[in-house]
């Protein structure tokens, strides 16, 4: 496991005033979706001032699907984001240009039973990869892919594990021995409705992973 600590990212956050609550529980990253087709999409400038004013320890991640360079930077500035997660067909050059703006880049690769994606063209332009279950709706499906496929990844870029992770998977996640596993990304299995997070379930999951001794 990368660097000895498994980090937590909560994605699909709709109530952005809950960042402080997530921070108190030991969450490291909060994902905010700016993809209009997602049921968890944040409307333009919705709660932007409040989110921009948050100066805590959680890294704010904007999730985009084939958005333009200018559109992404506009949202980054409005919400004070530190990271960008690219969930579409963005090129390595596109990732590189965003990274030049001082942003950390997470590039998403969908994983299916047809084989592991080729990440090598992106290694020089991204800070992290995220492996998610392949689907038409670009995440949030609640479905897992076969984690045994992770053994095919031999790259040097640390990755987030995503796709249908639920509270019952804590033990299995801890048993994964991949040296580049950096974080787990949780979303739909920790909600009462799209974007409405179940904080008790998140708290229990973090406790099970032993990320923090007390939350």
Protein backbone atom coordinates (compact mmCIF):
# COMPACT_ATOMS: atom_id res chain seq x y z
CA UNK A 1 0.00 0.00 0.00
CA UNK A 2 1.35 3.40 -0.98
CA UNK A 3 3.14 5.31 1.84
CA UNK A 4 1.52 3.21 4.56
CA UNK A 5 -1.72 5.20 4.89
CA UNK A 6 -4.91 4.62 2.96
CA UNK A 7 -6.64 7.91 2.22
CA UNK A 8 -10.38 8.49 1.86
CA UNK A 9 -12.20 10.47 -0.82
CA UNK A 10 -15.94 11.11 -0.52
CA UNK A 11 -17.31 11.90 -3.96
CA UNK A 12 -20.61 13.35 -5.11
CA UNK A 13 -20.95 15.81 -2.23
CA UNK A 14 -23.98 18.06 -2.79
CA UNK A 15 -24.17 19.84 0.57
CA UNK A 16 -20.91 21.71 0.50
CA UNK A 17 -21.39 23.09 4.01
CA UNK A 18 -20.60 19.57 5.25
CA UNK A 19 -16.88 19.81 4.50
CA UNK A 20 -15.99 20.55 8.13
CA UNK A 21 -17.96 17.52 9.29
CA UNK A 22 -16.13 15.27 6.85
CA UNK A 23 -12.81 16.73 7.94
CA UNK A 24 -13.55 15.91 11.58
CA UNK A 25 -14.13 12.30 10.55
CA UNK A 26 -10.76 11.96 8.86
CA UNK A 27 -11.74 12.35 5.20
CA UNK A 28 -8.88 13.55 2.99
CA UNK A 29 -10.62 14.49 -0.29
CA UNK A 30 -14.11 15.73 -1.17
CA UNK A 31 -15.34 15.35 -4.74
CA UNK A 32 -17.79 17.84 -6.22
CA UNK A 33 -19.35 16.85 -9.53
CA UNK A 34 -19.73 19.43 -12.30
CA UNK A 35 -21.18 17.11 -14.93
CA UNK A 36 -24.75 18.09 -15.90
CA UNK A 37 -25.86 14.51 -16.56
CA UNK A 38 -25.01 13.38 -13.04
CA UNK A 39 -27.77 13.32 -10.38
CA UNK A 40 -25.13 14.72 -8.01
CA UNK A 41 -24.21 17.66 -10.23
CA UNK A 42 -23.62 21.00 -8.55
CA UNK A 43 -25.26 23.85 -10.45
CA UNK A 44 -22.97 26.66 -11.62
CA UNK A 45 -21.89 28.83 -8.69
CA UNK A 46 -24.22 27.00 -6.29
CA UNK A 47 -22.65 27.43 -2.80
CA UNK A 48 -19.46 28.65 -4.48
CA UNK A 49 -18.62 31.38 -1.97
CA UNK A 50 -19.02 29.05 1.01
CA UNK A 51 -16.89 26.36 -0.60
CA UNK A 52 -14.20 28.82 -1.64
CA UNK A 53 -13.96 30.12 1.94
CA UNK A 54 -13.29 26.63 3.34
CA UNK A 55 -9.61 26.52 4.36
CA UNK A 56 -9.47 23.18 6.15
CA UNK A 57 -7.41 20.07 5.51
CA UNK A 58 -9.69 18.40 2.99
CA UNK A 59 -8.56 18.71 -0.61
CA UNK A 60 -11.43 19.96 -2.79
CA UNK A 61 -11.73 17.99 -6.02
CA UNK A 62 -13.78 19.08 -9.02
CA UNK A 63 -15.08 16.23 -11.18
CA UNK A 64 -15.50 16.96 -14.90
CA UNK A 65 -16.41 14.99 -18.02
CA UNK A 66 -15.01 16.35 -21.30
CA UNK A 67 -15.37 19.95 -20.12
CA UNK A 68 -13.38 22.69 -21.82
CA UNK A 69 -10.16 24.08 -20.39
CA UNK A 70 -11.74 27.49 -19.74
CA UNK A 71 -14.83 25.99 -18.14
CA UNK A 72 -12.73 23.95 -15.73
CA UNK A 73 -10.58 26.91 -14.70
CA UNK A 74 -13.67 29.05 -14.16
CA UNK A 75 -15.11 26.48 -11.75
CA UNK A 76 -11.73 25.96 -10.07
CA UNK A 77 -11.48 29.67 -9.32
CA UNK A 78 -15.12 30.02 -8.24
CA UNK A 79 -14.92 27.14 -5.75
CA UNK A 80 -11.26 27.33 -4.71
CA UNK A 81 -10.51 23.80 -5.89
CA UNK A 82 -7.07 22.26 -5.47
CA UNK A 83 -7.60 19.18 -7.63
CA UNK A 84 -9.34 18.22 -10.86
CA UNK A 85 -10.68 14.75 -11.64
CA UNK A 86 -11.11 14.08 -15.34
CA UNK A 87 -13.71 11.42 -16.11
CA UNK A 88 -13.94 11.69 -19.90
CA UNK A 89 -11.67 11.26 -22.91
CA UNK A 90 -9.28 14.06 -21.97
CA UNK A 91 -5.84 13.76 -23.59
CA UNK A 92 -2.46 13.68 -21.82
CA UNK A 93 -1.75 17.14 -23.30
CA UNK A 94 -5.00 18.48 -21.81
CA UNK A 95 -4.02 17.09 -18.39
CA UNK A 96 -0.59 18.67 -18.73
CA UNK A 97 -2.01 22.12 -19.49
CA UNK A 98 -4.26 22.01 -16.41
CA UNK A 99 -1.40 20.79 -14.27
CA UNK A 100 0.63 23.83 -15.33
CA UNK A 101 -1.97 25.92 -13.46
CA UNK A 102 -0.83 24.39 -10.17
CA UNK A 103 -3.64 21.84 -10.00
CA UNK A 104 -3.30 18.22 -8.97
CA UNK A 105 -4.75 15.98 -11.69
CA UNK A 106 -6.66 12.72 -11.18
CA UNK A 107 -7.32 10.88 -14.44
CA UNK A 108 -10.09 8.28 -14.38
CA UNK A 109 -9.77 4.98 -16.21
CA UNK A 110 -12.82 2.72 -16.54
CA UNK A 111 -12.11 -0.95 -15.87
CA UNK A 112 -14.09 -3.79 -17.40
CA UNK A 113 -13.64 -7.50 -17.88
CA UNK A 114 -12.12 -6.85 -21.29
CA UNK A 115 -8.70 -6.05 -19.86
CA UNK A 116 -6.92 -3.33 -17.93
CA UNK A 117 -6.62 0.13 -19.53
CA UNK A 118 -3.29 1.43 -20.81
CA UNK A 119 -2.31 4.26 -18.46
CA UNK A 120 1.23 4.78 -19.73
CA UNK A 121 0.53 7.81 -21.98
CA UNK A 122 -0.73 9.72 -18.92
CA UNK A 123 2.05 8.96 -16.44
CA UNK A 124 3.97 12.19 -17.06
CA UNK A 125 0.92 14.47 -16.94
CA UNK A 126 -1.13 13.22 -13.94
CA UNK A 127 -0.59 13.09 -10.20
CA UNK A 128 -3.02 10.24 -9.58
CA UNK A 129 -5.10 7.72 -11.46
CA UNK A 130 -8.56 6.54 -10.44
CA UNK A 131 -9.81 3.11 -11.45
CA UNK A 132 -13.59 2.88 -11.64
CA UNK A 133 -16.14 0.41 -12.95
CA UNK A 134 -16.79 0.94 -16.65
CA UNK A 135 -20.28 2.35 -17.32
CA UNK A 136 -22.13 4.77 -19.57
CA UNK A 137 -23.03 7.07 -16.69
CA UNK A 138 -19.44 7.93 -15.72
CA UNK A 139 -19.39 6.68 -12.13
CA UNK A 140 -21.82 6.45 -9.24
CA UNK A 141 -23.18 3.08 -10.39
CA UNK A 142 -22.73 1.23 -7.11
CA UNK A 143 -21.09 -1.63 -9.05
CA UNK A 144 -17.64 -3.09 -8.49
CA UNK A 145 -15.12 -4.35 -10.99
CA UNK A 146 -12.91 -7.38 -10.38
CA UNK A 147 -10.15 -6.08 -8.10
CA UNK A 148 -7.88 -8.93 -9.20
CA UNK A 149 -7.43 -6.92 -12.39
CA UNK A 150 -5.43 -4.36 -10.39
CA UNK A 151 -2.45 -6.71 -10.54
CA UNK A 152 -2.14 -5.76 -14.21
CA UNK A 153 -1.28 -2.18 -13.22
CA UNK A 154 2.51 -1.89 -12.99
CA UNK A 155 2.79 1.90 -13.24
CA UNK A 156 4.43 4.37 -10.88
CA UNK A 157 1.47 6.75 -10.45
CA UNK A 158 -0.49 6.18 -7.20
CA UNK A 159 -4.18 5.41 -7.66
CA UNK A 160 -7.61 5.81 -6.11
CA UNK A 161 -9.80 2.69 -6.02
CA UNK A 162 -13.44 3.39 -6.89
CA UNK A 163 -16.58 1.64 -8.07
CA UNK A 164 -19.27 0.21 -5.82
CA UNK A 165 -17.25 0.29 -2.60
CA UNK A 166 -19.48 -0.28 0.42
CA UNK A 167 -19.02 -0.67 4.18
CA UNK A 168 -18.74 -4.44 3.82
CA UNK A 169 -15.57 -4.13 1.72
CA UNK A 170 -13.29 -2.70 4.43
CA UNK A 171 -11.56 -5.99 5.24
CA UNK A 172 -11.04 -6.85 1.57
CA UNK A 173 -9.57 -3.41 0.87
CA UNK A 174 -7.14 -3.77 3.74
CA UNK A 175 -5.99 -7.10 2.31
CA UNK A 176 -5.05 -5.54 -1.05
CA UNK A 177 -1.29 -5.44 -1.38
CA UNK A 178 -0.80 -3.20 -4.40
CA UNK A 179 2.11 -0.78 -3.74
CA UNK A 180 0.42 2.11 -5.58
CA UNK A 181 -2.96 1.92 -3.83
CA UNK A 182 -3.23 5.42 -2.37
CA UNK A 183 -6.91 6.04 -1.59
CA UNK A 184 -10.43 4.67 -1.76
CA UNK A 185 -13.18 6.70 -3.39
CA UNK A 186 -16.67 6.22 -1.93
CA UNK A 187 -19.95 7.56 -3.25
CA UNK A 188 -23.33 5.94 -3.89
CA UNK A 189 -23.06 3.16 -1.30
CA UNK A 190 -22.76 5.81 1.44
CA UNK A 191 -25.87 7.85 0.60
CA UNK A 192 -29.51 8.10 1.58
CA UNK A 193 -30.23 9.87 -1.75
CA UNK A 194 -27.97 11.11 -4.58
CA UNK A 195 -25.58 13.63 -3.03
CA UNK A 196 -26.96 13.18 0.51
CA UNK A 197 -24.28 11.37 2.46
CA UNK A 198 -24.86 8.91 5.29
CA UNK A 199 -22.33 10.19 7.81
CA UNK A 200 -22.81 7.37 10.28
CA UNK A 201 -21.99 4.84 7.58
CA UNK A 202 -18.93 6.85 6.50
CA UNK A 203 -17.76 7.06 10.10
CA UNK A 204 -18.08 3.31 10.62
CA UNK A 205 -16.21 2.61 7.39
CA UNK A 206 -13.32 4.87 8.38
CA UNK A 207 -13.13 3.20 11.77
CA UNK A 208 -13.01 -0.22 10.12
CA UNK A 209 -10.15 0.88 7.89
CA UNK A 210 -8.23 2.13 10.94
CA UNK A 211 -7.37 5.35 9.15
CA UNK A 212 -7.91 7.26 12.36
CA UNK A 213 -8.11 5.86 15.85
CA UNK A 214 -11.03 8.03 16.81
CA UNK A 215 -13.61 9.94 14.76
